[in-house]
Amino acid sequence: MRTVDQQTPPDLDLHLIVDNYATHKHARVQGWLAKHPRFHIHFIPTSSSWLNLVESFFAKITSKAIRRGTFRSVADLTDAIVTYIDHHNADPKPFVWTASAASILDKVGRARTALDKVTTA
């Protein structure tokens, strides 16, 4: 965040969209954010990793490079991941949302309702 802060014009606010991982809520992070009020944190809803595009990329690495693989060492696993990333980067395709914002928010609402029923039962 320091690098982003230093490399972004000071008159711009910065909005960060993050998952609910505990490190994003750590006291040191909260303290830093309190000293840098132009940073605004927005948490994606719990159980909505599909909204986090890096999670989608990790899922592709898992399904296309790791699952069903045999790796005799960490180096072999690393090579498989790097090979996949190199192949992907040679012909990258942008991610394009195919659902409307309204349908996504509706789905999040249904998921929240279902989750609330489970947690209050």
PDB file of N, CA and C in Angstrom:
ATOM      1  N   MET A   1       0.827  -1.183   0.000  1.00  0.00           N
ATOM      2  CA  MET A   1       0.000   0.000   0.000  1.00  0.00           C
ATOM      3  C   MET A   1       0.878   1.256   0.000  1.00  0.00           C
ATOM      4  N   ARG A   2       2.046   1.147   0.628  1.00  0.00           N
ATOM      5  CA  ARG A   2       2.965   2.297   0.610  1.00  0.00           C
ATOM      6  C   ARG A   2       3.362   2.639  -0.826  1.00  0.00           C
ATOM      7  N   THR A   3       3.670   1.614  -1.614  1.00  0.00           N
ATOM      8  CA  THR A   3       4.068   1.847  -3.002  1.00  0.00           C
ATOM      9  C   THR A   3       2.935   2.485  -3.791  1.00  0.00           C
ATOM     10  N   VAL A   4       1.733   1.961  -3.638  1.00  0.00           N
ATOM     11  CA  VAL A   4       0.579   2.535  -4.335  1.00  0.00           C
ATOM     12  C   VAL A   4       0.387   3.981  -3.896  1.00  0.00           C
ATOM     13  N   ASP A   5       0.525   4.231  -2.605  1.00  0.00           N
ATOM     14  CA  ASP A   5       0.374   5.584  -2.072  1.00  0.00           C
ATOM     15  C   ASP A   5       1.399   6.524  -2.701  1.00  0.00           C
ATOM     16  N   GLN A   6       2.632   6.068  -2.790  1.00  0.00           N
ATOM     17  CA  GLN A   6       3.717   6.900  -3.328  1.00  0.00           C
ATOM     18  C   GLN A   6       3.582   7.145  -4.828  1.00  0.00           C
ATOM     19  N   GLN A   7       3.022   6.168  -5.543  1.00  0.00           N
ATOM     20  CA  GLN A   7       2.988   6.269  -7.005  1.00  0.00           C
ATOM     21  C   GLN A   7       1.664   6.787  -7.559  1.00  0.00           C
ATOM     22  N   THR A   8       0.750   7.156  -6.666  1.00  0.00           N
ATOM     23  CA  THR A   8      -0.545   7.670  -7.098  1.00  0.00           C
ATOM     24  C   THR A   8      -0.620   9.151  -6.751  1.00  0.00           C
ATOM     25  N   PRO A   9      -1.081   9.976  -7.689  1.00  0.00           N
ATOM     26  CA  PRO A   9      -1.186  11.407  -7.382  1.00  0.00           C
ATOM     27  C   PRO A   9      -1.925  11.633  -6.056  1.00  0.00           C
ATOM     28  N   PRO A  10      -1.404  12.527  -5.229  1.00  0.00           N
ATOM     29  CA  PRO A  10      -1.953  12.694  -3.873  1.00  0.00           C
ATOM     30  C   PRO A  10      -3.375  13.221  -3.820  1.00  0.00           C
ATOM     31  N   ASP A  11      -3.880  13.786  -4.907  1.00  0.00           N
ATOM     32  CA  ASP A  11      -5.245  14.318  -4.889  1.00  0.00           C
ATOM     33  C   ASP A  11      -6.299  13.256  -5.210  1.00  0.00           C
ATOM     34  N   LEU A  12      -5.871  12.024  -5.466  1.00  0.00           N
ATOM     35  CA  LEU A  12      -6.818  10.956  -5.788  1.00  0.00           C
ATOM     36  C   LEU A  12      -7.105  10.089  -4.567  1.00  0.00           C
ATOM     37  N   ASP A  13      -8.368   9.746  -4.386  1.00  0.00           N
ATOM     38  CA  ASP A  13      -8.729   8.747  -3.383  1.00  0.00           C
ATOM     39  C   ASP A  13      -8.494   7.375  -3.981  1.00  0.00           C
ATOM     40  N   LEU A  14      -8.195   6.417  -3.138  1.00  0.00           N
ATOM     41  CA  LEU A  14      -7.933   5.045  -3.588  1.00  0.00           C
ATOM     42  C   LEU A  14      -8.944   4.110  -2.928  1.00  0.00           C
ATOM     43  N   HIS A  15      -9.656   3.366  -3.754  1.00  0.00           N
ATOM     44  CA  HIS A  15     -10.650   2.416  -3.260  1.00  0.00           C
ATOM     45  C   HIS A  15     -10.110   1.010  -3.502  1.00  0.00           C
ATOM     46  N   LEU A  16      -9.947   0.268  -2.434  1.00  0.00           N
ATOM     47  CA  LEU A  16      -9.414  -1.096  -2.506  1.00  0.00           C
ATOM     48  C   LEU A  16     -10.536  -2.078  -2.254  1.00  0.00           C
ATOM     49  N   ILE A  17     -10.698  -3.019  -3.158  1.00  0.00           N
ATOM     50  CA  ILE A  17     -11.698  -4.071  -2.995  1.00  0.00           C
ATOM     51  C   ILE A  17     -10.956  -5.318  -2.573  1.00  0.00           C
ATOM     52  N   VAL A  18     -11.258  -5.809  -1.375  1.00  0.00           N
ATOM     53  CA  VAL A  18     -10.522  -6.934  -0.814  1.00  0.00           C
ATOM     54  C   VAL A  18     -11.491  -7.988  -0.289  1.00  0.00           C
ATOM     55  N   ASP A  19     -10.963  -9.201  -0.120  1.00  0.00           N
ATOM     56  CA  ASP A  19     -11.772 -10.247   0.482  1.00  0.00           C
ATOM     57  C   ASP A  19     -11.738 -10.078   2.000  1.00  0.00           C
ATOM     58  N   ASN A  20     -12.373 -10.983   2.710  1.00  0.00           N
ATOM     59  CA  ASN A  20     -12.493 -10.882   4.155  1.00  0.00           C
ATOM     60  C   ASN A  20     -11.375 -11.581   4.906  1.00  0.00           C
ATOM     61  N   TYR A  21     -10.248 -11.791   4.257  1.00  0.00           N
ATOM     62  CA  TYR A  21      -9.109 -12.433   4.896  1.00  0.00           C
ATOM     63  C   TYR A  21      -8.664 -11.609   6.105  1.00  0.00           C
ATOM     64  N   ALA A  22      -8.298 -12.268   7.170  1.00  0.00           N
ATOM     65  CA  ALA A  22      -7.998 -11.601   8.436  1.00  0.00           C
ATOM     66  C   ALA A  22      -6.883 -10.561   8.326  1.00  0.00           C
ATOM     67  N   THR A  23      -5.914 -10.770   7.441  1.00  0.00           N
ATOM     68  CA  THR A  23      -4.817  -9.808   7.348  1.00  0.00           C
ATOM     69  C   THR A  23      -5.301  -8.424   6.929  1.00  0.00           C
ATOM     70  N   HIS A  24      -6.393  -8.350   6.188  1.00  0.00           N
ATOM     71  CA  HIS A  24      -6.915  -7.051   5.773  1.00  0.00           C
ATOM     72  C   HIS A  24      -7.536  -6.295   6.938  1.00  0.00           C
ATOM     73  N   LYS A  25      -7.812  -7.012   8.032  1.00  0.00           N
ATOM     74  CA  LYS A  25      -8.456  -6.395   9.193  1.00  0.00           C
ATOM     75  C   LYS A  25      -7.503  -6.289  10.384  1.00  0.00           C
ATOM     76  N   HIS A  26      -6.241  -6.651  10.192  1.00  0.00           N
ATOM     77  CA  HIS A  26      -5.257  -6.647  11.264  1.00  0.00           C
ATOM     78  C   HIS A  26      -5.086  -5.232  11.829  1.00  0.00           C
ATOM     79  N   ALA A  27      -4.774  -5.144  13.108  1.00  0.00           N
ATOM     80  CA  ALA A  27      -4.626  -3.845  13.771  1.00  0.00           C
ATOM     81  C   ALA A  27      -3.576  -2.961  13.089  1.00  0.00           C
ATOM     82  N   ARG A  28      -2.483  -3.551  12.621  1.00  0.00           N
ATOM     83  CA  ARG A  28      -1.445  -2.747  11.940  1.00  0.00           C
ATOM     84  C   ARG A  28      -1.972  -2.170  10.627  1.00  0.00           C
ATOM     85  N   VAL A  29      -2.759  -2.967   9.915  1.00  0.00           N
ATOM     86  CA  VAL A  29      -3.350  -2.473   8.662  1.00  0.00           C
ATOM     87  C   VAL A  29      -4.343  -1.366   8.985  1.00  0.00           C
ATOM     88  N   GLN A  30      -5.189  -1.586   9.986  1.00  0.00           N
ATOM     89  CA  GLN A  30      -6.176  -0.575  10.366  1.00  0.00           C
ATOM     90  C   GLN A  30      -5.496   0.716  10.823  1.00  0.00           C
ATOM     91  N   GLY A  31      -4.387   0.584  11.552  1.00  0.00           N
ATOM     92  CA  GLY A  31      -3.637   1.756  11.983  1.00  0.00           C
ATOM     93  C   GLY A  31      -3.061   2.538  10.814  1.00  0.00           C
ATOM     94  N   TRP A  32      -2.507   1.795   9.835  1.00  0.00           N
ATOM     95  CA  TRP A  32      -1.955   2.446   8.649  1.00  0.00           C
ATOM     96  C   TRP A  32      -3.056   3.176   7.888  1.00  0.00           C
ATOM     97  N   LEU A  33      -4.198   2.507   7.728  1.00  0.00           N
ATOM     98  CA  LEU A  33      -5.313   3.117   7.000  1.00  0.00           C
ATOM     99  C   LEU A  33      -5.822   4.369   7.702  1.00  0.00           C
ATOM    100  N   ALA A  34      -5.818   4.358   9.033  1.00  0.00           N
ATOM    101  CA  ALA A  34      -6.266   5.534   9.783  1.00  0.00           C
ATOM    102  C   ALA A  34      -5.373   6.738   9.501  1.00  0.00           C
ATOM    103  N   LYS A  35      -4.101   6.497   9.232  1.00  0.00           N
ATOM    104  CA  LYS A  35      -3.154   7.576   8.923  1.00  0.00           C
ATOM    105  C   LYS A  35      -3.187   7.975   7.451  1.00  0.00           C
ATOM    106  N   HIS A  36      -3.891   7.206   6.633  1.00  0.00           N
ATOM    107  CA  HIS A  36      -3.967   7.463   5.182  1.00  0.00           C
ATOM    108  C   HIS A  36      -5.438   7.465   4.756  1.00  0.00           C
ATOM    109  N   PRO A  37      -6.143   8.539   5.074  1.00  0.00           N
ATOM    110  CA  PRO A  37      -7.599   8.558   4.861  1.00  0.00           C
ATOM    111  C   PRO A  37      -8.047   8.535   3.403  1.00  0.00           C
ATOM    112  N   ARG A  38      -7.145   8.678   2.466  1.00  0.00           N
ATOM    113  CA  ARG A  38      -7.576   8.593   1.061  1.00  0.00           C
ATOM    114  C   ARG A  38      -7.790   7.151   0.621  1.00  0.00           C
ATOM    115  N   PHE A  39      -7.345   6.198   1.448  1.00  0.00           N
ATOM    116  CA  PHE A  39      -7.582   4.777   1.173  1.00  0.00           C
ATOM    117  C   PHE A  39      -8.931   4.376   1.744  1.00  0.00           C
ATOM    118  N   HIS A  40      -9.742   3.769   0.909  1.00  0.00           N
ATOM    119  CA  HIS A  40     -11.068   3.310   1.328  1.00  0.00           C
ATOM    120  C   HIS A  40     -11.145   1.810   1.039  1.00  0.00           C
ATOM    121  N   ILE A  41     -11.410   1.024   2.061  1.00  0.00           N
ATOM    122  CA  ILE A  41     -11.462  -0.434   1.917  1.00  0.00           C
ATOM    123  C   ILE A  41     -12.910  -0.862   1.725  1.00  0.00           C
ATOM    124  N   HIS A  42     -13.126  -1.707   0.736  1.00  0.00           N
ATOM    125  CA  HIS A  42     -14.444  -2.287   0.476  1.00  0.00           C
ATOM    126  C   HIS A  42     -14.274  -3.806   0.496  1.00  0.00           C
ATOM    127  N   PHE A  43     -14.990  -4.478   1.368  1.00  0.00           N
ATOM    128  CA  PHE A  43     -14.889  -5.931   1.497  1.00  0.00           C
ATOM    129  C   PHE A  43     -15.938  -6.594   0.621  1.00  0.00           C
ATOM    130  N   ILE A  44     -15.525  -7.612  -0.138  1.00  0.00           N
ATOM    131  CA  ILE A  44     -16.516  -8.389  -0.882  1.00  0.00           C
ATOM    132  C   ILE A  44     -17.273  -9.244   0.134  1.00  0.00           C
ATOM    133  N   PRO A  45     -18.499  -9.619  -0.166  1.00  0.00           N
ATOM    134  CA  PRO A  45     -19.275 -10.409   0.793  1.00  0.00           C
ATOM    135  C   PRO A  45     -18.611 -11.755   1.096  1.00  0.00           C
ATOM    136  N   THR A  46     -18.805 -12.225   2.312  1.00  0.00           N
ATOM    137  CA  THR A  46     -18.320 -13.544   2.703  1.00  0.00           C
ATOM    138  C   THR A  46     -18.921 -14.589   1.768  1.00  0.00           C
ATOM    139  N   SER A  47     -18.152 -15.599   1.451  1.00  0.00           N
ATOM    140  CA  SER A  47     -18.587 -16.706   0.574  1.00  0.00           C
ATOM    141  C   SER A  47     -18.837 -16.247  -0.861  1.00  0.00           C
ATOM    142  N   SER A  48     -18.122 -15.249  -1.301  1.00  0.00           N
ATOM    143  CA  SER A  48     -18.305 -14.790  -2.680  1.00  0.00           C
ATOM    144  C   SER A  48     -16.960 -14.694  -3.395  1.00  0.00           C
ATOM    145  N   SER A  49     -16.150 -15.737  -3.236  1.00  0.00           N
ATOM    146  CA  SER A  49     -14.831 -15.706  -3.861  1.00  0.00           C
ATOM    147  C   SER A  49     -14.922 -15.555  -5.377  1.00  0.00           C
ATOM    148  N   TRP A  50     -16.055 -15.914  -5.958  1.00  0.00           N
ATOM    149  CA  TRP A  50     -16.229 -15.774  -7.397  1.00  0.00           C
ATOM    150  C   TRP A  50     -16.182 -14.305  -7.829  1.00  0.00           C
ATOM    151  N   LEU A  51     -16.372 -13.377  -6.891  1.00  0.00           N
ATOM    152  CA  LEU A  51     -16.264 -11.961  -7.217  1.00  0.00           C
ATOM    153  C   LEU A  51     -14.814 -11.491  -7.277  1.00  0.00           C
ATOM    154  N   ASN A  52     -13.931 -12.262  -6.672  1.00  0.00           N
ATOM    155  CA  ASN A  52     -12.521 -11.901  -6.615  1.00  0.00           C
ATOM    156  C   ASN A  52     -11.819 -12.546  -7.810  1.00  0.00           C
ATOM    157  N   LEU A  53     -11.434 -11.735  -8.790  1.00  0.00           N
ATOM    158  CA  LEU A  53     -10.903 -12.291 -10.032  1.00  0.00           C
ATOM    159  C   LEU A  53      -9.604 -13.060  -9.834  1.00  0.00           C
ATOM    160  N   VAL A  54      -8.811 -12.706  -8.840  1.00  0.00           N
ATOM    161  CA  VAL A  54      -7.586 -13.479  -8.614  1.00  0.00           C
ATOM    162  C   VAL A  54      -7.949 -14.894  -8.166  1.00  0.00           C
ATOM    163  N   GLU A  55      -9.061 -15.037  -7.442  1.00  0.00           N
ATOM    164  CA  GLU A  55      -9.508 -16.377  -7.056  1.00  0.00           C
ATOM    165  C   GLU A  55      -9.874 -17.193  -8.294  1.00  0.00           C
ATOM    166  N   SER A  56     -10.478 -16.536  -9.273  1.00  0.00           N
ATOM    167  CA  SER A  56     -10.810 -17.227 -10.525  1.00  0.00           C
ATOM    168  C   SER A  56      -9.541 -17.675 -11.240  1.00  0.00           C
ATOM    169  N   PHE A  57      -8.529 -16.822 -11.222  1.00  0.00           N
ATOM    170  CA  PHE A  57      -7.260 -17.176 -11.862  1.00  0.00           C
ATOM    171  C   PHE A  57      -6.603 -18.345 -11.129  1.00  0.00           C
ATOM    172  N   PHE A  58      -6.613 -18.309  -9.794  1.00  0.00           N
ATOM    173  CA  PHE A  58      -6.058 -19.424  -9.012  1.00  0.00           C
ATOM    174  C   PHE A  58      -6.817 -20.718  -9.311  1.00  0.00           C
ATOM    175  N   ALA A  59      -8.129 -20.616  -9.482  1.00  0.00           N
ATOM    176  CA  ALA A  59      -8.923 -21.810  -9.800  1.00  0.00           C
ATOM    177  C   ALA A  59      -8.497 -22.385 -11.149  1.00  0.00           C
ATOM    178  N   LYS A  60      -8.212 -21.508 -12.115  1.00  0.00           N
ATOM    179  CA  LYS A  60      -7.756 -21.990 -13.425  1.00  0.00           C
ATOM    180  C   LYS A  60      -6.390 -22.661 -13.312  1.00  0.00           C
ATOM    181  N   ILE A  61      -5.486 -22.069 -12.547  1.00  0.00           N
ATOM    182  CA  ILE A  61      -4.177 -22.698 -12.347  1.00  0.00           C
ATOM    183  C   ILE A  61      -4.361 -24.081 -11.735  1.00  0.00           C
ATOM    184  N   THR A  62      -5.228 -24.155 -10.736  1.00  0.00           N
ATOM    185  CA  THR A  62      -5.477 -25.443 -10.066  1.00  0.00           C
ATOM    186  C   THR A  62      -6.020 -26.472 -11.039  1.00  0.00           C
ATOM    187  N   SER A  63      -7.046 -26.088 -11.800  1.00  0.00           N
ATOM    188  CA  SER A  63      -7.685 -27.070 -12.680  1.00  0.00           C
ATOM    189  C   SER A  63      -6.840 -27.434 -13.896  1.00  0.00           C
ATOM    190  N   LYS A  64      -6.067 -26.490 -14.403  1.00  0.00           N
ATOM    191  CA  LYS A  64      -5.333 -26.740 -15.647  1.00  0.00           C
ATOM    192  C   LYS A  64      -3.865 -27.123 -15.457  1.00  0.00           C
ATOM    193  N   ALA A  65      -3.297 -26.823 -14.270  1.00  0.00           N
ATOM    194  CA  ALA A  65      -1.863 -27.091 -14.105  1.00  0.00           C
ATOM    195  C   ALA A  65      -1.529 -27.975 -12.911  1.00  0.00           C
ATOM    196  N   ILE A  66      -2.403 -28.011 -11.923  1.00  0.00           N
ATOM    197  CA  ILE A  66      -2.038 -28.704 -10.680  1.00  0.00           C
ATOM    198  C   ILE A  66      -2.840 -29.995 -10.458  1.00  0.00           C
ATOM    199  N   ARG A  67      -4.164 -29.892 -10.549  1.00  0.00           N
ATOM    200  CA  ARG A  67      -5.012 -31.055 -10.259  1.00  0.00           C
ATOM    201  C   ARG A  67      -4.622 -32.245 -11.135  1.00  0.00           C
ATOM    202  N   ARG A  68      -4.552 -33.374 -10.541  1.00  0.00           N
ATOM    203  CA  ARG A  68      -4.192 -34.646 -11.179  1.00  0.00           C
ATOM    204  C   ARG A  68      -2.721 -34.701 -11.611  1.00  0.00           C
ATOM    205  N   GLY A  69      -1.944 -33.701 -11.211  1.00  0.00           N
ATOM    206  CA  GLY A  69      -0.526 -33.717 -11.540  1.00  0.00           C
ATOM    207  C   GLY A  69       0.253 -34.523 -10.513  1.00  0.00           C
ATOM    208  N   THR A  70       1.418 -34.934 -10.897  1.00  0.00           N
ATOM    209  CA  THR A  70       2.341 -35.616  -9.986  1.00  0.00           C
ATOM    210  C   THR A  70       3.583 -34.755  -9.871  1.00  0.00           C
ATOM    211  N   PHE A  71       3.843 -34.300  -8.666  1.00  0.00           N
ATOM    212  CA  PHE A  71       4.968 -33.413  -8.433  1.00  0.00           C
ATOM    213  C   PHE A  71       5.861 -34.043  -7.378  1.00  0.00           C
ATOM    214  N   ARG A  72       7.076 -34.345  -7.743  1.00  0.00           N
ATOM    215  CA  ARG A  72       8.004 -35.016  -6.836  1.00  0.00           C
ATOM    216  C   ARG A  72       8.761 -34.035  -5.947  1.00  0.00           C
ATOM    217  N   SER A  73       8.589 -32.733  -6.229  1.00  0.00           N
ATOM    218  CA  SER A  73       9.268 -31.725  -5.419  1.00  0.00           C
ATOM    219  C   SER A  73       8.514 -30.403  -5.555  1.00  0.00           C
ATOM    220  N   VAL A  74       8.836 -29.484  -4.674  1.00  0.00           N
ATOM    221  CA  VAL A  74       8.273 -28.136  -4.766  1.00  0.00           C
ATOM    222  C   VAL A  74       8.716 -27.495  -6.084  1.00  0.00           C
ATOM    223  N   ALA A  75       9.944 -27.767  -6.487  1.00  0.00           N
ATOM    224  CA  ALA A  75      10.443 -27.215  -7.756  1.00  0.00           C
ATOM    225  C   ALA A  75       9.592 -27.694  -8.934  1.00  0.00           C
ATOM    226  N   ASP A  76       9.192 -28.967  -8.929  1.00  0.00           N
ATOM    227  CA  ASP A  76       8.335 -29.493 -10.002  1.00  0.00           C
ATOM    228  C   ASP A  76       6.980 -28.783 -10.007  1.00  0.00           C
ATOM    229  N   LEU A  77       6.417 -28.585  -8.839  1.00  0.00           N
ATOM    230  CA  LEU A  77       5.136 -27.880  -8.733  1.00  0.00           C
ATOM    231  C   LEU A  77       5.288 -26.440  -9.224  1.00  0.00           C
ATOM    232  N   THR A  78       6.337 -25.786  -8.785  1.00  0.00           N
ATOM    233  CA  THR A  78       6.597 -24.411  -9.203  1.00  0.00           C
ATOM    234  C   THR A  78       6.753 -24.328 -10.715  1.00  0.00           C
ATOM    235  N   ASP A  79       7.478 -25.265 -11.300  1.00  0.00           N
ATOM    236  CA  ASP A  79       7.660 -25.288 -12.759  1.00  0.00           C
ATOM    237  C   ASP A  79       6.318 -25.418 -13.484  1.00  0.00           C
ATOM    238  N   ALA A  80       5.444 -26.271 -12.966  1.00  0.00           N
ATOM    239  CA  ALA A  80       4.129 -26.456 -13.590  1.00  0.00           C
ATOM    240  C   ALA A  80       3.321 -25.163 -13.539  1.00  0.00           C
ATOM    241  N   ILE A  81       3.365 -24.478 -12.411  1.00  0.00           N
ATOM    242  CA  ILE A  81       2.622 -23.228 -12.261  1.00  0.00           C
ATOM    243  C   ILE A  81       3.208 -22.147 -13.171  1.00  0.00           C
ATOM    244  N   VAL A  82       4.522 -22.020 -13.187  1.00  0.00           N
ATOM    245  CA  VAL A  82       5.173 -21.001 -14.024  1.00  0.00           C
ATOM    246  C   VAL A  82       4.914 -21.287 -15.506  1.00  0.00           C
ATOM    247  N   THR A  83       4.960 -22.543 -15.892  1.00  0.00           N
ATOM    248  CA  THR A  83       4.680 -22.908 -17.288  1.00  0.00           C
ATOM    249  C   THR A  83       3.259 -22.503 -17.669  1.00  0.00           C
ATOM    250  N   TYR A  84       2.304 -22.764 -16.783  1.00  0.00           N
ATOM    251  CA  TYR A  84       0.920 -22.371 -17.054  1.00  0.00           C
ATOM    252  C   TYR A  84       0.818 -20.848 -17.201  1.00  0.00           C
ATOM    253  N   ILE A  85       1.422 -20.118 -16.271  1.00  0.00           N
ATOM    254  CA  ILE A  85       1.355 -18.654 -16.313  1.00  0.00           C
ATOM    255  C   ILE A  85       2.013 -18.112 -17.584  1.00  0.00           C
ATOM    256  N   ASP A  86       3.162 -18.663 -17.950  1.00  0.00           N
ATOM    257  CA  ASP A  86       3.833 -18.226 -19.192  1.00  0.00           C
ATOM    258  C   ASP A  86       2.944 -18.475 -20.406  1.00  0.00           C
ATOM    259  N   HIS A  87       2.312 -19.652 -20.448  1.00  0.00           N
ATOM    260  CA  HIS A  87       1.408 -19.989 -21.557  1.00  0.00           C
ATOM    261  C   HIS A  87       0.218 -19.024 -21.575  1.00  0.00           C
ATOM    262  N   HIS A  88      -0.349 -18.781 -20.409  1.00  0.00           N
ATOM    263  CA  HIS A  88      -1.490 -17.864 -20.291  1.00  0.00           C
ATOM    264  C   HIS A  88      -1.095 -16.456 -20.748  1.00  0.00           C
ATOM    265  N   ASN A  89       0.070 -15.984 -20.297  1.00  0.00           N
ATOM    266  CA  ASN A  89       0.499 -14.626 -20.618  1.00  0.00           C
ATOM    267  C   ASN A  89       0.901 -14.455 -22.081  1.00  0.00           C
ATOM    268  N   ALA A  90       1.222 -15.544 -22.761  1.00  0.00           N
ATOM    269  CA  ALA A  90       1.577 -15.458 -24.177  1.00  0.00           C
ATOM    270  C   ALA A  90       0.377 -15.056 -25.029  1.00  0.00           C
ATOM    271  N   ASP A  91      -0.827 -15.383 -24.573  1.00  0.00           N
ATOM    272  CA  ASP A  91      -2.050 -15.035 -25.301  1.00  0.00           C
ATOM    273  C   ASP A  91      -3.139 -14.692 -24.284  1.00  0.00           C
ATOM    274  N   PRO A  92      -2.969 -13.598 -23.548  1.00  0.00           N
ATOM    275  CA  PRO A  92      -3.924 -13.277 -22.480  1.00  0.00           C
ATOM    276  C   PRO A  92      -5.284 -12.871 -23.030  1.00  0.00           C
ATOM    277  N   LYS A  93      -6.292 -13.204 -22.280  1.00  0.00           N
ATOM    278  CA  LYS A  93      -7.664 -12.831 -22.632  1.00  0.00           C
ATOM    279  C   LYS A  93      -8.241 -12.053 -21.445  1.00  0.00           C
ATOM    280  N   PRO A  94      -8.821 -10.898 -21.712  1.00  0.00           N
ATOM    281  CA  PRO A  94      -9.401 -10.145 -20.592  1.00  0.00           C
ATOM    282  C   PRO A  94     -10.627 -10.865 -20.041  1.00  0.00           C
ATOM    283  N   PHE A  95     -10.829 -10.704 -18.762  1.00  0.00           N
ATOM    284  CA  PHE A  95     -12.035 -11.263 -18.154  1.00  0.00           C
ATOM    285  C   PHE A  95     -13.188 -10.330 -18.471  1.00  0.00           C
ATOM    286  N   VAL A  96     -14.275 -10.885 -18.956  1.00  0.00           N
ATOM    287  CA  VAL A  96     -15.448 -10.084 -19.288  1.00  0.00           C
ATOM    288  C   VAL A  96     -16.632 -10.621 -18.496  1.00  0.00           C
ATOM    289  N   TRP A  97     -17.198  -9.750 -17.650  1.00  0.00           N
ATOM    290  CA  TRP A  97     -18.389 -10.155 -16.901  1.00  0.00           C
ATOM    291  C   TRP A  97     -19.519 -10.387 -17.890  1.00  0.00           C
ATOM    292  N   THR A  98     -20.211 -11.487 -17.766  1.00  0.00           N
ATOM    293  CA  THR A  98     -21.342 -11.760 -18.647  1.00  0.00           C
ATOM    294  C   THR A  98     -22.673 -11.539 -17.951  1.00  0.00           C
ATOM    295  N   ALA A  99     -22.643 -11.402 -16.646  1.00  0.00           N
ATOM    296  CA  ALA A  99     -23.867 -11.151 -15.886  1.00  0.00           C
ATOM    297  C   ALA A  99     -23.996  -9.658 -15.628  1.00  0.00           C
ATOM    298  N   SER A 100     -25.223  -9.203 -15.497  1.00  0.00           N
ATOM    299  CA  SER A 100     -25.441  -7.790 -15.181  1.00  0.00           C
ATOM    300  C   SER A 100     -25.178  -7.558 -13.698  1.00  0.00           C
ATOM    301  N   ALA A 101     -24.919  -6.319 -13.361  1.00  0.00           N
ATOM    302  CA  ALA A 101     -24.710  -5.978 -11.944  1.00  0.00           C
ATOM    303  C   ALA A 101     -25.943  -6.347 -11.133  1.00  0.00           C
ATOM    304  N   ALA A 102     -27.128  -6.112 -11.685  1.00  0.00           N
ATOM    305  CA  ALA A 102     -28.370  -6.415 -10.964  1.00  0.00           C
ATOM    306  C   ALA A 102     -28.484  -7.918 -10.665  1.00  0.00           C
ATOM    307  N   SER A 103     -28.135  -8.764 -11.644  1.00  0.00           N
ATOM    308  CA  SER A 103     -28.250 -10.206 -11.398  1.00  0.00           C
ATOM    309  C   SER A 103     -27.203 -10.688 -10.399  1.00  0.00           C
ATOM    310  N   ILE A 104     -26.021 -10.074 -10.424  1.00  0.00           N
ATOM    311  CA  ILE A 104     -24.983 -10.434  -9.460  1.00  0.00           C
ATOM    312  C   ILE A 104     -25.425 -10.037  -8.051  1.00  0.00           C
ATOM    313  N   LEU A 105     -25.924  -8.816  -7.907  1.00  0.00           N
ATOM    314  CA  LEU A 105     -26.374  -8.356  -6.593  1.00  0.00           C
ATOM    315  C   LEU A 105     -27.560  -9.172  -6.090  1.00  0.00           C
ATOM    316  N   ASP A 106     -28.433  -9.589  -7.000  1.00  0.00           N
ATOM    317  CA  ASP A 106     -29.551 -10.449  -6.622  1.00  0.00           C
ATOM    318  C   ASP A 106     -29.045 -11.791  -6.094  1.00  0.00           C
ATOM    319  N   LYS A 107     -28.060 -12.341  -6.771  1.00  0.00           N
ATOM    320  CA  LYS A 107     -27.474 -13.618  -6.336  1.00  0.00           C
ATOM    321  C   LYS A 107     -26.798 -13.468  -4.974  1.00  0.00           C
ATOM    322  N   VAL A 108     -26.080 -12.370  -4.775  1.00  0.00           N
ATOM    323  CA  VAL A 108     -25.448 -12.115  -3.482  1.00  0.00           C
ATOM    324  C   VAL A 108     -26.519 -12.011  -2.400  1.00  0.00           C
ATOM    325  N   GLY A 109     -27.612 -11.341  -2.702  1.00  0.00           N
ATOM    326  CA  GLY A 109     -28.714 -11.222  -1.741  1.00  0.00           C
ATOM    327  C   GLY A 109     -29.307 -12.571  -1.380  1.00  0.00           C
ATOM    328  N   ARG A 110     -29.511 -13.430  -2.372  1.00  0.00           N
ATOM    329  CA  ARG A 110     -30.040 -14.774  -2.103  1.00  0.00           C
ATOM    330  C   ARG A 110     -29.057 -15.577  -1.261  1.00  0.00           C
ATOM    331  N   ALA A 111     -27.769 -15.439  -1.557  1.00  0.00           N
ATOM    332  CA  ALA A 111     -26.754 -16.160  -0.789  1.00  0.00           C
ATOM    333  C   ALA A 111     -26.734 -15.665   0.656  1.00  0.00           C
ATOM    334  N   ARG A 112     -26.835 -14.364   0.849  1.00  0.00           N
ATOM    335  CA  ARG A 112     -26.856 -13.790   2.198  1.00  0.00           C
ATOM    336  C   ARG A 112     -28.066 -14.309   2.980  1.00  0.00           C
ATOM    337  N   THR A 113     -29.234 -14.348   2.334  1.00  0.00           N
ATOM    338  CA  THR A 113     -30.436 -14.851   2.988  1.00  0.00           C
ATOM    339  C   THR A 113     -30.265 -16.309   3.404  1.00  0.00           C
ATOM    340  N   ALA A 114     -29.721 -17.122   2.504  1.00  0.00           N
ATOM    341  CA  ALA A 114     -29.495 -18.524   2.818  1.00  0.00           C
ATOM    342  C   ALA A 114     -28.487 -18.678   3.949  1.00  0.00           C
ATOM    343  N   LEU A 115     -27.421 -17.897   3.914  1.00  0.00           N
ATOM    344  CA  LEU A 115     -26.405 -17.956   4.950  1.00  0.00           C
ATOM    345  C   LEU A 115     -26.988 -17.517   6.305  1.00  0.00           C
ATOM    346  N   ASP A 116     -27.802 -16.475   6.295  1.00  0.00           N
ATOM    347  CA  ASP A 116     -28.414 -16.014   7.541  1.00  0.00           C
ATOM    348  C   ASP A 116     -29.325 -17.077   8.147  1.00  0.00           C
ATOM    349  N   LYS A 117     -30.029 -17.832   7.309  1.00  0.00           N
ATOM    350  CA  LYS A 117     -30.881 -18.920   7.807  1.00  0.00           C
ATOM    351  C   LYS A 117     -30.062 -19.995   8.473  1.00  0.00           C
ATOM    352  N   VAL A 118     -28.917 -20.312   7.895  1.00  0.00           N
ATOM    353  CA  VAL A 118     -28.031 -21.355   8.450  1.00  0.00           C
ATOM    354  C   VAL A 118     -27.419 -20.890   9.768  1.00  0.00           C
ATOM    355  N   THR A 119     -26.979 -19.644   9.820  1.00  0.00           N
ATOM    356  CA  THR A 119     -26.277 -19.160  11.008  1.00  0.00           C
ATOM    357  C   THR A 119     -27.216 -18.869  12.177  1.00  0.00           C
ATOM    358  N   THR A 120     -28.496 -18.663  11.905  1.00  0.00           N
ATOM    359  CA  THR A 120     -29.447 -18.413  12.990  1.00  0.00           C
ATOM    360  C   THR A 120     -30.172 -19.673  13.414  1.00  0.00           C
ATOM    361  N   ALA A 121     -29.961 -20.760  12.699  1.00  0.00           N
ATOM    362  CA  ALA A 121     -30.652 -22.020  13.033  1.00  0.00           C
ATOM    363  C   ALA A 121     -29.980 -22.720  14.194  1.00  0.00           C
TER     364      ALA A 121
END
